[in-house]
């Protein structure tokens, strides 16, 4: 319940303040969001299966975002930023779809 309240407060504050992302970090935001969605769908999957561990979730969330951002940074430095970003999105997207499929199977037994 606390997480849901925090989510609502965060969304309201975000809309009220309308924060801007610095130009240098704009390439990292979409990748960070996809990495965070991967961690969240994994957390929901674990919660539905009664295997959720809050410490593991936080570590997964932070490490996913950091590793994805690091890969984008390295891709930019190597001159293959767009290709590496696409690879990160594809891999994380596959994981998100796998988690959503597992969530669907758990909820609907289908």
Protein backbone atom coordinates (compact mmCIF):
# COMPACT_ATOMS: atom_id res chain seq x y z
CA UNK A 1 0.00 0.00 0.00
CA UNK A 2 2.88 2.35 0.80
CA UNK A 3 4.37 1.72 -2.64
CA UNK A 4 1.10 2.61 -4.33
CA UNK A 5 0.80 5.84 -2.35
CA UNK A 6 4.42 6.71 -3.17
CA UNK A 7 3.74 6.06 -6.86
CA UNK A 8 0.70 8.34 -6.87
CA UNK A 9 2.57 11.08 -4.98
CA UNK A 10 5.50 10.79 -7.38
CA UNK A 11 3.29 11.08 -10.44
CA UNK A 12 1.43 14.09 -9.00
CA UNK A 13 4.69 15.84 -8.06
CA UNK A 14 6.13 15.07 -11.50
CA UNK A 15 3.15 16.60 -13.28
CA UNK A 16 3.09 19.60 -10.94
CA UNK A 17 6.81 20.43 -11.20
CA UNK A 18 7.30 19.39 -14.83
CA UNK A 19 10.98 18.50 -14.42
CA UNK A 20 13.32 18.67 -17.40
CA UNK A 21 16.05 16.21 -18.20
CA UNK A 22 19.46 17.71 -18.97
CA UNK A 23 20.51 17.26 -22.59
CA UNK A 24 23.49 15.10 -21.65
CA UNK A 25 21.25 12.60 -19.87
CA UNK A 26 18.42 12.39 -22.40
CA UNK A 27 19.90 9.34 -24.13
CA UNK A 28 19.91 7.43 -20.84
CA UNK A 29 16.34 8.11 -19.71
CA UNK A 30 14.48 5.74 -22.08
CA UNK A 31 16.92 2.93 -21.31
CA UNK A 32 16.63 3.56 -17.58
CA UNK A 33 12.82 3.48 -17.81
CA UNK A 34 12.86 0.17 -19.70
CA UNK A 35 15.34 -1.29 -17.19
CA UNK A 36 13.12 -0.12 -14.33
CA UNK A 37 10.05 -1.67 -15.99
CA UNK A 38 11.95 -4.95 -16.22
CA UNK A 39 12.64 -4.86 -12.49
CA UNK A 40 9.04 -3.91 -11.67
CA UNK A 41 7.52 -6.68 -13.79
CA UNK A 42 9.96 -9.13 -12.20
CA UNK A 43 8.90 -7.89 -8.77
CA UNK A 44 5.20 -8.29 -9.57
CA UNK A 45 5.89 -11.80 -10.88
CA UNK A 46 7.74 -12.72 -7.68
CA UNK A 47 5.02 -11.15 -5.50
CA UNK A 48 2.28 -13.15 -7.22
CA UNK A 49 4.28 -16.33 -6.70
CA UNK A 50 4.84 -15.44 -3.02
CA UNK A 51 8.61 -15.24 -3.63
CA UNK A 52 9.01 -11.45 -3.31
CA UNK A 53 12.00 -10.15 -1.38
CA UNK A 54 12.18 -6.38 -0.95
CA UNK A 55 15.95 -6.31 -0.65
CA UNK A 56 16.36 -8.34 -3.82
CA UNK A 57 13.87 -6.08 -5.62
CA UNK A 58 15.72 -2.88 -4.71
CA UNK A 59 19.07 -4.36 -5.71
CA UNK A 60 17.59 -5.63 -9.00
CA UNK A 61 15.96 -2.26 -9.72
CA UNK A 62 19.11 -0.21 -9.07
CA UNK A 63 21.50 -2.63 -10.77
CA UNK A 64 19.28 -2.93 -13.88
CA UNK A 65 19.17 0.83 -14.29
CA UNK A 66 22.91 1.26 -13.64
CA UNK A 67 24.00 -1.55 -15.95
CA UNK A 68 21.72 -0.35 -18.74
CA UNK A 69 22.99 3.22 -18.38
CA UNK A 70 26.59 1.98 -18.32
CA UNK A 71 26.03 0.02 -21.52
CA UNK A 72 24.58 3.08 -23.24
CA UNK A 73 27.51 5.17 -22.02
CA UNK A 74 30.04 2.64 -23.29
CA UNK A 75 28.18 2.43 -26.61
CA UNK A 76 28.40 6.21 -26.95
CA UNK A 77 32.13 6.15 -26.19
CA UNK A 78 32.71 3.35 -28.70
CA UNK A 79 30.64 5.08 -31.36
CA UNK A 80 27.91 2.43 -31.45
CA UNK A 81 25.48 4.08 -29.05
CA UNK A 82 22.31 3.60 -31.10
CA UNK A 83 23.05 -0.05 -31.85
CA UNK A 84 23.90 -0.90 -28.26
CA UNK A 85 20.85 1.00 -26.99
CA UNK A 86 18.68 -1.00 -29.36
CA UNK A 87 20.25 -4.21 -28.09
CA UNK A 88 19.59 -3.25 -24.48
CA UNK A 89 15.95 -2.39 -25.26
CA UNK A 90 15.45 -5.67 -27.14
CA UNK A 91 16.90 -7.80 -24.33
CA UNK A 92 15.02 -5.96 -21.59
CA UNK A 93 11.87 -5.97 -23.71
CA UNK A 94 12.09 -9.75 -24.05
CA UNK A 95 12.45 -10.05 -20.28
CA UNK A 96 9.47 -7.75 -19.72
CA UNK A 97 7.31 -9.83 -22.08
CA UNK A 98 8.44 -13.04 -20.36
CA UNK A 99 7.54 -11.57 -16.96
CA UNK A 100 4.16 -10.35 -18.23
CA UNK A 101 3.47 -13.81 -19.68
CA UNK A 102 4.31 -15.39 -16.31
CA UNK A 103 2.09 -12.84 -14.54
CA UNK A 104 -0.76 -13.62 -16.94
CA UNK A 105 -0.31 -17.36 -16.37
CA UNK A 106 -0.32 -16.88 -12.60
CA UNK A 107 -3.37 -14.61 -12.57
CA UNK A 108 -5.51 -16.30 -15.20
CA UNK A 109 -4.10 -19.83 -15.20
CA UNK A 110 -3.77 -19.47 -18.97
